[in-house]
PDB file of all heavy atoms in Angstrom:
ATOM      1  N   SER A   1      53.237  64.865 138.027  1.00  0.00           N
ATOM      2  CA  SER A   1      51.791  64.925 138.163  1.00  0.00           C
ATOM      3  C   SER A   1      51.414  65.516 139.522  1.00  0.00           C
ATOM      4  O   SER A   1      50.273  65.993 139.687  1.00  0.00           O
ATOM      5  CB  SER A   1      51.185  63.513 138.061  1.00  0.00           C
ATOM      6  OG  SER A   1      51.643  62.674 139.117  1.00  0.00           O
ATOM      7  N   GLY A   2      52.326  65.525 140.443  1.00  0.00           N
ATOM      8  CA  GLY A   2      52.053  66.051 141.799  1.00  0.00           C
ATOM      9  C   GLY A   2      51.350  65.088 142.671  1.00  0.00           C
ATOM     10  O   GLY A   2      51.029  65.410 143.845  1.00  0.00           O
ATOM     11  N   ASN A   3      51.075  63.884 142.165  1.00  0.00           N
ATOM     12  CA  ASN A   3      50.260  62.909 142.968  1.00  0.00           C
ATOM     13  C   ASN A   3      51.082  62.076 143.922  1.00  0.00           C
ATOM     14  O   ASN A   3      50.501  61.370 144.759  1.00  0.00           O
ATOM     15  CB  ASN A   3      49.500  61.990 142.012  1.00  0.00           C
ATOM     16  CG  ASN A   3      48.482  62.740 141.191  1.00  0.00           C
ATOM     17  OD1 ASN A   3      47.896  63.729 141.680  1.00  0.00           O
ATOM     18  ND2 ASN A   3      48.225  62.358 139.950  1.00  0.00           N
ATOM     19  N   ARG A   4      52.388  62.062 143.760  1.00  0.00           N
ATOM     20  CA  ARG A   4      53.207  61.248 144.692  1.00  0.00           C
ATOM     21  C   ARG A   4      54.480  61.965 145.042  1.00  0.00           C
ATOM     22  O   ARG A   4      54.932  62.877 144.367  1.00  0.00           O
ATOM     23  CB  ARG A   4      53.515  59.874 144.060  1.00  0.00           C
ATOM     24  CG  ARG A   4      54.321  59.945 142.786  1.00  0.00           C
ATOM     25  CD  ARG A   4      54.472  58.584 142.165  1.00  0.00           C
ATOM     26  NE  ARG A   4      55.321  58.628 140.960  1.00  0.00           N
ATOM     27  CZ  ARG A   4      56.634  58.523 141.012  1.00  0.00           C
ATOM     28  NH1 ARG A   4      57.255  58.380 142.174  1.00  0.00           N
ATOM     29  NH2 ARG A   4      57.351  58.575 139.889  1.00  0.00           N
ATOM     30  N   ILE A   5      55.066  61.561 146.151  1.00  0.00           N
ATOM     31  CA  ILE A   5      56.288  62.162 146.663  1.00  0.00           C
ATOM     32  C   ILE A   5      57.508  61.375 146.119  1.00  0.00           C
ATOM     33  O   ILE A   5      57.502  60.158 146.108  1.00  0.00           O
ATOM     34  CB  ILE A   5      56.270  62.169 148.209  1.00  0.00           C
ATOM     35  CG1 ILE A   5      55.109  62.927 148.703  1.00  0.00           C
ATOM     36  CG2 ILE A   5      57.586  62.747 148.712  1.00  0.00           C
ATOM     37  CD1 ILE A   5      55.062  64.404 148.323  1.00  0.00           C
ATOM     38  N   LEU A   6      58.526  62.085 145.708  1.00  0.00           N
ATOM     39  CA  LEU A   6      59.762  61.443 145.290  1.00  0.00           C
ATOM     40  C   LEU A   6      60.549  61.076 146.556  1.00  0.00           C
ATOM     41  O   LEU A   6      61.312  61.886 147.111  1.00  0.00           O
ATOM     42  CB  LEU A   6      60.573  62.421 144.423  1.00  0.00           C
ATOM     43  CG  LEU A   6      59.803  62.934 143.154  1.00  0.00           C
ATOM     44  CD1 LEU A   6      60.677  63.948 142.431  1.00  0.00           C
ATOM     45  CD2 LEU A   6      59.421  61.782 142.280  1.00  0.00           C
ATOM     46  N   LYS A   7      60.354  59.841 146.983  1.00  0.00           N
ATOM     47  CA  LYS A   7      60.860  59.410 148.258  1.00  0.00           C
ATOM     48  C   LYS A   7      62.433  59.533 148.313  1.00  0.00           C
ATOM     49  O   LYS A   7      62.956  59.868 149.387  1.00  0.00           O
ATOM     50  CB  LYS A   7      60.474  57.968 148.547  1.00  0.00           C
ATOM     51  CG  LYS A   7      58.973  57.789 148.724  1.00  0.00           C
ATOM     52  CD  LYS A   7      58.646  56.392 149.247  1.00  0.00           C
ATOM     53  CE  LYS A   7      58.982  55.301 148.234  1.00  0.00           C
ATOM     54  NZ  LYS A   7      58.592  53.960 148.701  1.00  0.00           N
ATOM     55  N   ASP A   8      63.087  59.249 147.227  1.00  0.00           N
ATOM     56  CA  ASP A   8      64.542  59.272 147.200  1.00  0.00           C
ATOM     57  C   ASP A   8      65.049  60.659 147.583  1.00  0.00           C
ATOM     58  O   ASP A   8      66.072  60.810 148.292  1.00  0.00           O
ATOM     59  CB  ASP A   8      65.096  58.871 145.848  1.00  0.00           C
ATOM     60  CG  ASP A   8      64.880  57.412 145.565  1.00  0.00           C
ATOM     61  OD1 ASP A   8      64.579  56.654 146.565  1.00  0.00           O
ATOM     62  OD2 ASP A   8      65.033  56.935 144.452  1.00  0.00           O
ATOM     63  N   LYS A   9      64.398  61.728 147.078  1.00  0.00           N
ATOM     64  CA  LYS A   9      64.840  63.086 147.393  1.00  0.00           C
ATOM     65  C   LYS A   9      64.631  63.423 148.876  1.00  0.00           C
ATOM     66  O   LYS A   9      65.413  64.094 149.494  1.00  0.00           O
ATOM     67  CB  LYS A   9      64.087  64.103 146.499  1.00  0.00           C
ATOM     68  CG  LYS A   9      64.517  64.025 145.062  1.00  0.00           C
ATOM     69  CD  LYS A   9      63.996  65.211 144.272  1.00  0.00           C
ATOM     70  CE  LYS A   9      64.531  65.221 142.843  1.00  0.00           C
ATOM     71  NZ  LYS A   9      64.120  66.403 142.082  1.00  0.00           N
ATOM     72  N   VAL A  10      63.503  62.953 149.403  1.00  0.00           N
ATOM     73  CA  VAL A  10      63.271  63.198 150.863  1.00  0.00           C
ATOM     74  C   VAL A  10      64.274  62.427 151.689  1.00  0.00           C
ATOM     75  O   VAL A  10      64.810  62.973 152.675  1.00  0.00           O
ATOM     76  CB  VAL A  10      61.803  62.781 151.221  1.00  0.00           C
ATOM     77  CG1 VAL A  10      61.575  62.984 152.721  1.00  0.00           C
ATOM     78  CG2 VAL A  10      60.800  63.595 150.409  1.00  0.00           C
ATOM     79  N   ILE A  11      64.527  61.209 151.337  1.00  0.00           N
ATOM     80  CA  ILE A  11      65.491  60.344 152.073  1.00  0.00           C
ATOM     81  C   ILE A  11      66.880  61.042 152.050  1.00  0.00           C
ATOM     82  O   ILE A  11      67.553  61.073 153.072  1.00  0.00           O
ATOM     83  CB  ILE A  11      65.535  58.940 151.495  1.00  0.00           C
ATOM     84  CG1 ILE A  11      64.242  58.191 151.776  1.00  0.00           C
ATOM     85  CG2 ILE A  11      66.734  58.165 152.037  1.00  0.00           C
ATOM     86  CD1 ILE A  11      64.077  56.844 151.075  1.00  0.00           C
ATOM     87  N   GLU A  12      67.238  61.545 150.896  1.00  0.00           N
ATOM     88  CA  GLU A  12      68.561  62.234 150.799  1.00  0.00           C
ATOM     89  C   GLU A  12      68.625  63.398 151.732  1.00  0.00           C
ATOM     90  O   GLU A  12      69.654  63.621 152.396  1.00  0.00           O
ATOM     91  CB  GLU A  12      68.745  62.701 149.327  1.00  0.00           C
ATOM     92  CG  GLU A  12      70.082  63.350 149.085  1.00  0.00           C
ATOM     93  CD  GLU A  12      70.262  63.838 147.653  1.00  0.00           C
ATOM     94  OE1 GLU A  12      69.346  63.550 146.822  1.00  0.00           O
ATOM     95  OE2 GLU A  12      71.273  64.501 147.376  1.00  0.00           O
ATOM     96  N   ARG A  13      67.528  64.187 151.807  1.00  0.00           N
ATOM     97  CA  ARG A  13      67.551  65.355 152.725  1.00  0.00           C
ATOM     98  C   ARG A  13      67.642  64.898 154.195  1.00  0.00           C
ATOM     99  O   ARG A  13      68.333  65.503 155.018  1.00  0.00           O
ATOM    100  CB  ARG A  13      66.289  66.216 152.517  1.00  0.00           C
ATOM    101  CG  ARG A  13      66.408  67.219 151.393  1.00  0.00           C
ATOM    102  CD  ARG A  13      67.433  68.315 151.666  1.00  0.00           C
ATOM    103  NE  ARG A  13      67.199  68.953 152.939  1.00  0.00           N
ATOM    104  CZ  ARG A  13      66.300  69.925 153.152  1.00  0.00           C
ATOM    105  NH1 ARG A  13      65.548  70.339 152.133  1.00  0.00           N
ATOM    106  NH2 ARG A  13      66.149  70.438 154.356  1.00  0.00           N
ATOM    107  N   VAL A  14      66.878  63.875 154.502  1.00  0.00           N
ATOM    108  CA  VAL A  14      66.886  63.362 155.900  1.00  0.00           C
ATOM    109  C   VAL A  14      68.305  62.881 156.257  1.00  0.00           C
ATOM    110  O   VAL A  14      68.776  63.141 157.379  1.00  0.00           O
ATOM    111  CB  VAL A  14      65.845  62.227 156.085  1.00  0.00           C
ATOM    112  CG1 VAL A  14      66.031  61.549 157.426  1.00  0.00           C
ATOM    113  CG2 VAL A  14      64.430  62.756 155.949  1.00  0.00           C
ATOM    114  N   GLU A  15      68.917  62.176 155.372  1.00  0.00           N
ATOM    115  CA  GLU A  15      70.288  61.655 155.647  1.00  0.00           C
ATOM    116  C   GLU A  15      71.269  62.791 155.883  1.00  0.00           C
ATOM    117  O   GLU A  15      72.183  62.709 156.739  1.00  0.00           O
ATOM    118  CB  GLU A  15      70.752  60.765 154.486  1.00  0.00           C
ATOM    119  CG  GLU A  15      69.984  59.436 154.453  1.00  0.00           C
ATOM    120  CD  GLU A  15      70.352  58.582 153.242  1.00  0.00           C
ATOM    121  OE1 GLU A  15      70.983  59.131 152.320  1.00  0.00           O
ATOM    122  OE2 GLU A  15      69.934  57.423 153.193  1.00  0.00           O
ATOM    123  N   LYS A  16      71.137  63.868 155.100  1.00  0.00           N
ATOM    124  CA  LYS A  16      72.016  65.048 155.308  1.00  0.00           C
ATOM    125  C   LYS A  16      71.775  65.676 156.667  1.00  0.00           C
ATOM    126  O   LYS A  16      72.738  66.101 157.326  1.00  0.00           O
ATOM    127  CB  LYS A  16      71.797  66.045 154.187  1.00  0.00           C
ATOM    128  CG  LYS A  16      72.350  65.611 152.833  1.00  0.00           C
ATOM    129  CD  LYS A  16      72.161  66.662 151.781  1.00  0.00           C
ATOM    130  CE  LYS A  16      72.752  66.252 150.440  1.00  0.00           C
ATOM    131  NZ  LYS A  16      72.522  67.243 149.359  1.00  0.00           N
ATOM    132  N   ILE A  17      70.514  65.777 157.061  1.00  0.00           N
ATOM    133  CA  ILE A  17      70.208  66.320 158.381  1.00  0.00           C
ATOM    134  C   ILE A  17      70.767  65.466 159.490  1.00  0.00           C
ATOM    135  O   ILE A  17      71.359  65.954 160.464  1.00  0.00           O
ATOM    136  CB  ILE A  17      68.681  66.478 158.549  1.00  0.00           C
ATOM    137  CG1 ILE A  17      68.103  67.552 157.600  1.00  0.00           C
ATOM    138  CG2 ILE A  17      68.286  66.803 159.997  1.00  0.00           C
ATOM    139  CD1 ILE A  17      66.616  67.597 157.532  1.00  0.00           C
ATOM    140  N   MET A  18      70.643  64.151 159.361  1.00  0.00           N
ATOM    141  CA  MET A  18      71.207  63.245 160.339  1.00  0.00           C
ATOM    142  C   MET A  18      72.737  63.378 160.454  1.00  0.00           C
ATOM    143  O   MET A  18      73.296  63.402 161.545  1.00  0.00           O
ATOM    144  CB  MET A  18      70.840  61.800 160.036  1.00  0.00           C
ATOM    145  CG  MET A  18      69.343  61.480 160.098  1.00  0.00           C
ATOM    146  SD  MET A  18      68.625  61.690 161.744  1.00  0.00           S
ATOM    147  CE  MET A  18      67.939  63.376 161.619  1.00  0.00           C
ATOM    148  N   GLU A  19      73.370  63.479 159.343  1.00  0.00           N
ATOM    149  CA  GLU A  19      74.811  63.618 159.316  1.00  0.00           C
ATOM    150  C   GLU A  19      75.271  64.944 159.918  1.00  0.00           C
ATOM    151  O   GLU A  19      76.267  65.047 160.618  1.00  0.00           O
ATOM    152  CB  GLU A  19      75.353  63.501 157.872  1.00  0.00           C
ATOM    153  CG  GLU A  19      76.864  63.369 157.801  1.00  0.00           C
ATOM    154  CD  GLU A  19      77.382  62.194 158.534  1.00  0.00           C
ATOM    155  OE1 GLU A  19      76.708  61.131 158.579  1.00  0.00           O
ATOM    156  OE2 GLU A  19      78.543  62.252 159.089  1.00  0.00           O
ATOM    157  N   LYS A  20      74.496  65.977 159.656  1.00  0.00           N
ATOM    158  CA  LYS A  20      74.815  67.297 160.168  1.00  0.00           C
ATOM    159  C   LYS A  20      74.872  67.313 161.711  1.00  0.00           C
ATOM    160  O   LYS A  20      75.666  68.023 162.322  1.00  0.00           O
ATOM    161  CB  LYS A  20      73.757  68.294 159.639  1.00  0.00           C
ATOM    162  CG  LYS A  20      73.845  69.704 160.229  1.00  0.00           C
ATOM    163  CD  LYS A  20      72.712  70.501 159.644  1.00  0.00           C
ATOM    164  CE  LYS A  20      72.635  71.911 160.272  1.00  0.00           C
ATOM    165  NZ  LYS A  20      71.503  72.702 159.778  1.00  0.00           N
ATOM    166  N   HIS A  21      73.954  66.544 162.323  1.00  0.00           N
ATOM    167  CA  HIS A  21      73.812  66.586 163.792  1.00  0.00           C
ATOM    168  C   HIS A  21      74.398  65.356 164.501  1.00  0.00           C
ATOM    169  O   HIS A  21      74.277  65.247 165.710  1.00  0.00           O
ATOM    170  CB  HIS A  21      72.346  66.718 164.177  1.00  0.00           C
ATOM    171  CG  HIS A  21      71.693  67.947 163.698  1.00  0.00           C
ATOM    172  ND1 HIS A  21      71.912  69.191 164.306  1.00  0.00           N
ATOM    173  CD2 HIS A  21      70.798  68.210 162.705  1.00  0.00           C
ATOM    174  CE1 HIS A  21      71.236  70.102 163.695  1.00  0.00           C
ATOM    175  NE2 HIS A  21      70.520  69.537 162.715  1.00  0.00           N
ATOM    176  N   ARG A  22      75.088  64.520 163.744  1.00  0.00           N
ATOM    177  CA  ARG A  22      75.581  63.279 164.333  1.00  0.00           C
ATOM    178  C   ARG A  22      76.643  63.487 165.403  1.00  0.00           C
ATOM    179  O   ARG A  22      76.767  62.722 166.362  1.00  0.00           O
ATOM    180  CB  ARG A  22      76.095  62.298 163.253  1.00  0.00           C
ATOM    181  CG  ARG A  22      76.270  60.890 163.782  1.00  0.00           C
ATOM    182  CD  ARG A  22      76.607  59.944 162.664  1.00  0.00           C
ATOM    183  NE  ARG A  22      75.671  60.021 161.569  1.00  0.00           N
ATOM    184  CZ  ARG A  22      74.445  59.511 161.586  1.00  0.00           C
ATOM    185  NH1 ARG A  22      74.033  58.906 162.665  1.00  0.00           N
ATOM    186  NH2 ARG A  22      73.637  59.637 160.574  1.00  0.00           N
ATOM    187  N   LYS A  23      77.472  64.539 165.213  1.00  0.00           N
ATOM    188  CA  LYS A  23      78.534  64.781 166.176  1.00  0.00           C
ATOM    189  C   LYS A  23      77.945  65.062 167.558  1.00  0.00           C
ATOM    190  O   LYS A  23      78.461  64.596 168.602  1.00  0.00           O
ATOM    191  CB  LYS A  23      79.393  65.936 165.748  1.00  0.00           C
ATOM    192  CG  LYS A  23      80.582  66.212 166.648  1.00  0.00           C
ATOM    193  CD  LYS A  23      81.456  67.343 166.091  1.00  0.00           C
ATOM    194  CE  LYS A  23      82.641  67.593 167.041  1.00  0.00           C
ATOM    195  NZ  LYS A  23      83.508  68.706 166.520  1.00  0.00           N
ATOM    196  N   ALA A  24      76.853  65.856 167.590  1.00  0.00           N
ATOM    197  CA  ALA A  24      76.206  66.169 168.888  1.00  0.00           C
ATOM    198  C   ALA A  24      75.336  65.012 169.373  1.00  0.00           C
ATOM    199  O   ALA A  24      75.191  64.823 170.584  1.00  0.00           O
ATOM    200  CB  ALA A  24      75.374  67.425 168.735  1.00  0.00           C
ATOM    201  N   PHE A  25      74.801  64.224 168.441  1.00  0.00           N
ATOM    202  CA  PHE A  25      73.892  63.101 168.780  1.00  0.00           C
ATOM    203  C   PHE A  25      74.330  61.841 168.044  1.00  0.00           C
ATOM    204  O   PHE A  25      73.795  61.488 167.012  1.00  0.00           O
ATOM    205  CB  PHE A  25      72.452  63.473 168.444  1.00  0.00           C
ATOM    206  CG  PHE A  25      71.960  64.735 169.023  1.00  0.00           C
ATOM    207  CD1 PHE A  25      71.884  65.923 168.266  1.00  0.00           C
ATOM    208  CD2 PHE A  25      71.590  64.819 170.365  1.00  0.00           C
ATOM    209  CE1 PHE A  25      71.449  67.116 168.834  1.00  0.00           C
ATOM    210  CE2 PHE A  25      71.190  66.005 170.939  1.00  0.00           C
ATOM    211  CZ  PHE A  25      71.067  67.159 170.165  1.00  0.00           C
ATOM    212  N   PRO A  26      75.299  61.120 168.625  1.00  0.00           N
ATOM    213  CA  PRO A  26      75.902  59.933 167.917  1.00  0.00           C
ATOM    214  C   PRO A  26      74.866  58.819 167.648  1.00  0.00           C
ATOM    215  O   PRO A  26      75.117  58.001 166.776  1.00  0.00           O
ATOM    216  CB  PRO A  26      76.960  59.476 168.896  1.00  0.00           C
ATOM    217  CG  PRO A  26      77.253  60.637 169.815  1.00  0.00           C
ATOM    218  CD  PRO A  26      75.963  61.377 169.915  1.00  0.00           C
ATOM    219  N   ASN A  27      73.787  58.780 168.393  1.00  0.00           N
ATOM    220  CA  ASN A  27      72.805  57.671 168.229  1.00  0.00           C
ATOM    221  C   ASN A  27      71.710  57.966 167.212  1.00  0.00           C
ATOM    222  O   ASN A  27      70.773  57.202 167.083  1.00  0.00           O
ATOM    223  CB  ASN A  27      72.141  57.364 169.581  1.00  0.00           C
ATOM    224  CG  ASN A  27      73.130  56.813 170.584  1.00  0.00           C
ATOM    225  OD1 ASN A  27      74.051  56.045 170.220  1.00  0.00           O
ATOM    226  ND2 ASN A  27      72.963  57.149 171.871  1.00  0.00           N
ATOM    227  N   LEU A  28      71.892  59.019 166.443  1.00  0.00           N
ATOM    228  CA  LEU A  28      70.893  59.299 165.371  1.00  0.00           C
ATOM    229  C   LEU A  28      70.937  58.198 164.348  1.00  0.00           C
ATOM    230  O   LEU A  28      72.004  57.640 164.000  1.00  0.00           O
ATOM    231  CB  LEU A  28      71.220  60.621 164.718  1.00  0.00           C
ATOM    232  CG  LEU A  28      70.884  61.915 165.469  1.00  0.00           C
ATOM    233  CD1 LEU A  28      71.367  63.104 164.702  1.00  0.00           C
ATOM    234  CD2 LEU A  28      69.374  62.009 165.770  1.00  0.00           C
ATOM    235  N   PRO A  29      69.783  57.804 163.774  1.00  0.00           N
ATOM    236  CA  PRO A  29      69.766  56.836 162.677  1.00  0.00           C
ATOM    237  C   PRO A  29      70.414  57.402 161.454  1.00  0.00           C
ATOM    238  O   PRO A  29      70.604  58.629 161.325  1.00  0.00           O
ATOM    239  CB  PRO A  29      68.278  56.602 162.466  1.00  0.00           C
ATOM    240  CG  PRO A  29      67.595  57.836 162.976  1.00  0.00           C
ATOM    241  CD  PRO A  29      68.429  58.310 164.118  1.00  0.00           C
ATOM    242  N   PHE A  30      70.753  56.557 160.516  1.00  0.00           N
ATOM    243  CA  PHE A  30      71.439  56.996 159.309  1.00  0.00           C
ATOM    244  C   PHE A  30      70.454  57.344 158.180  1.00  0.00           C
ATOM    245  O   PHE A  30      70.785  58.142 157.319  1.00  0.00           O
ATOM    246  CB  PHE A  30      72.428  55.939 158.817  1.00  0.00           C
ATOM    247  CG  PHE A  30      73.650  55.832 159.680  1.00  0.00           C
ATOM    248  CD1 PHE A  30      73.668  55.013 160.788  1.00  0.00           C
ATOM    249  CD2 PHE A  30      74.782  56.587 159.403  1.00  0.00           C
ATOM    250  CE1 PHE A  30      74.811  54.943 161.614  1.00  0.00           C
ATOM    251  CE2 PHE A  30      75.891  56.541 160.186  1.00  0.00           C
ATOM    252  CZ  PHE A  30      75.892  55.717 161.309  1.00  0.00           C
ATOM    253  N   THR A  31      69.303  56.746 158.194  1.00  0.00           N
ATOM    254  CA  THR A  31      68.359  57.002 157.095  1.00  0.00           C
ATOM    255  C   THR A  31      66.925  56.754 157.568  1.00  0.00           C
ATOM    256  O   THR A  31      66.693  56.444 158.750  1.00  0.00           O
ATOM    257  CB  THR A  31      68.669  56.096 155.887  1.00  0.00           C
ATOM    258  OG1 THR A  31      67.880  56.563 154.774  1.00  0.00           O
ATOM    259  CG2 THR A  31      68.354  54.655 156.188  1.00  0.00           C
ATOM    260  N   ILE A  32      65.994  56.963 156.667  1.00  0.00           N
ATOM    261  CA  ILE A  32      64.560  56.782 156.958  1.00  0.00           C
ATOM    262  C   ILE A  32      63.998  55.935 155.834  1.00  0.00           C
ATOM    263  O   ILE A  32      64.467  55.979 154.686  1.00  0.00           O
ATOM    264  CB  ILE A  32      63.842  58.160 157.043  1.00  0.00           C
ATOM    265  CG1 ILE A  32      62.382  57.961 157.429  1.00  0.00           C
ATOM    266  CG2 ILE A  32      63.942  58.906 155.734  1.00  0.00           C
ATOM    267  CD1 ILE A  32      61.647  59.281 157.662  1.00  0.00           C
ATOM    268  N   ASN A  33      62.923  55.166 156.123  1.00  0.00           N
ATOM    269  CA  ASN A  33      62.268  54.380 155.127  1.00  0.00           C
ATOM    270  C   ASN A  33      60.781  54.797 155.040  1.00  0.00           C
ATOM    271  O   ASN A  33      60.160  55.067 156.074  1.00  0.00           O
ATOM    272  CB  ASN A  33      62.337  52.871 155.453  1.00  0.00           C
ATOM    273  CG  ASN A  33      63.759  52.350 155.387  1.00  0.00           C
ATOM    274  OD1 ASN A  33      64.450  52.637 154.377  1.00  0.00           O
ATOM    275  ND2 ASN A  33      64.196  51.656 156.381  1.00  0.00           N
ATOM    276  N   PHE A  34      60.254  54.870 153.817  1.00  0.00           N
ATOM    277  CA  PHE A  34      58.871  55.185 153.577  1.00  0.00           C
ATOM    278  C   PHE A  34      58.181  54.006 152.932  1.00  0.00           C
ATOM    279  O   PHE A  34      58.644  53.525 151.891  1.00  0.00           O
ATOM    280  CB  PHE A  34      58.706  56.421 152.713  1.00  0.00           C
ATOM    281  CG  PHE A  34      59.288  57.687 153.294  1.00  0.00           C
ATOM    282  CD1 PHE A  34      60.492  58.223 152.845  1.00  0.00           C
ATOM    283  CD2 PHE A  34      58.645  58.342 154.351  1.00  0.00           C
ATOM    284  CE1 PHE A  34      61.008  59.373 153.395  1.00  0.00           C
ATOM    285  CE2 PHE A  34      59.157  59.483 154.892  1.00  0.00           C
ATOM    286  CZ  PHE A  34      60.344  60.000 154.410  1.00  0.00           C
ATOM    287  N   GLU A  35      57.081  53.551 153.502  1.00  0.00           N
ATOM    288  CA  GLU A  35      56.369  52.429 152.918  1.00  0.00           C
ATOM    289  C   GLU A  35      55.509  52.889 151.724  1.00  0.00           C
ATOM    290  O   GLU A  35      55.300  52.148 150.779  1.00  0.00           O
ATOM    291  CB  GLU A  35      55.451  51.762 153.951  1.00  0.00           C
ATOM    292  CG  GLU A  35      56.250  51.079 155.054  1.00  0.00           C
ATOM    293  CD  GLU A  35      55.358  50.367 156.056  1.00  0.00           C
ATOM    294  OE1 GLU A  35      54.082  50.367 155.849  1.00  0.00           O
ATOM    295  OE2 GLU A  35      55.842  49.815 157.019  1.00  0.00           O
ATOM    296  N   GLN A  36      54.976  54.121 151.787  1.00  0.00           N
ATOM    297  CA  GLN A  36      54.137  54.642 150.728  1.00  0.00           C
ATOM    298  C   GLN A  36      54.691  55.996 150.243  1.00  0.00           C
ATOM    299  O   GLN A  36      55.503  56.622 150.896  1.00  0.00           O
ATOM    300  CB  GLN A  36      52.689  54.817 151.206  1.00  0.00           C
ATOM    301  CG  GLN A  36      52.074  53.551 151.709  1.00  0.00           C
ATOM    302  CD  GLN A  36      50.687  53.787 152.233  1.00  0.00           C
ATOM    303  OE1 GLN A  36      49.838  54.406 151.590  1.00  0.00           O
ATOM    304  NE2 GLN A  36      50.397  53.308 153.439  1.00  0.00           N
ATOM    305  N   ASP A  37      54.222  56.425 149.073  1.00  0.00           N
ATOM    306  CA  ASP A  37      54.737  57.691 148.520  1.00  0.00           C
ATOM    307  C   ASP A  37      53.640  58.753 148.362  1.00  0.00           C
ATOM    308  O   ASP A  37      53.820  59.744 147.643  1.00  0.00           O
ATOM    309  CB  ASP A  37      55.404  57.437 147.183  1.00  0.00           C
ATOM    310  CG  ASP A  37      54.476  56.862 146.123  1.00  0.00           C
ATOM    311  OD1 ASP A  37      53.278  56.706 146.391  1.00  0.00           O
ATOM    312  OD2 ASP A  37      54.956  56.584 145.001  1.00  0.00           O
ATOM    313  N   THR A  38      52.489  58.566 149.039  1.00  0.00           N
ATOM    314  CA  THR A  38      51.484  59.612 149.031  1.00  0.00           C
ATOM    315  C   THR A  38      51.883  60.721 150.032  1.00  0.00           C
ATOM    316  O   THR A  38      52.645  60.484 150.964  1.00  0.00           O
ATOM    317  CB  THR A  38      50.078  59.109 149.452  1.00  0.00           C
ATOM    318  OG1 THR A  38      50.166  58.633 150.790  1.00  0.00           O
ATOM    319  CG2 THR A  38      49.663  57.951 148.519  1.00  0.00           C
ATOM    320  N   LEU A  39      51.392  61.915 149.816  1.00  0.00           N
ATOM    321  CA  LEU A  39      51.740  63.039 150.677  1.00  0.00           C
ATOM    322  C   LEU A  39      51.355  62.771 152.118  1.00  0.00           C
ATOM    323  O   LEU A  39      52.217  62.943 153.020  1.00  0.00           O
ATOM    324  CB  LEU A  39      51.107  64.333 150.144  1.00  0.00           C
ATOM    325  CG  LEU A  39      51.425  65.612 150.947  1.00  0.00           C
ATOM    326  CD1 LEU A  39      52.903  65.887 150.994  1.00  0.00           C
ATOM    327  CD2 LEU A  39      50.652  66.807 150.370  1.00  0.00           C
ATOM    328  N   PRO A  40      50.130  62.392 152.453  1.00  0.00           N
ATOM    329  CA  PRO A  40      49.789  62.140 153.857  1.00  0.00           C
ATOM    330  C   PRO A  40      50.680  61.072 154.495  1.00  0.00           C
ATOM    331  O   PRO A  40      51.135  61.203 155.665  1.00  0.00           O
ATOM    332  CB  PRO A  40      48.328  61.690 153.824  1.00  0.00           C
ATOM    333  CG  PRO A  40      47.793  62.245 152.555  1.00  0.00           C
ATOM    334  CD  PRO A  40      48.945  62.170 151.579  1.00  0.00           C
TER     335      PRO A  40
END
């Protein structure tokens, strides 16, 4: 419907980005949490 964000897909991308840069920045978090799924 386009009215909400698929949070799982965004979380997956964020986790890949964190893993990609973890060697240079060991203190990066492993994941992100979203309380809501609206675009804003």
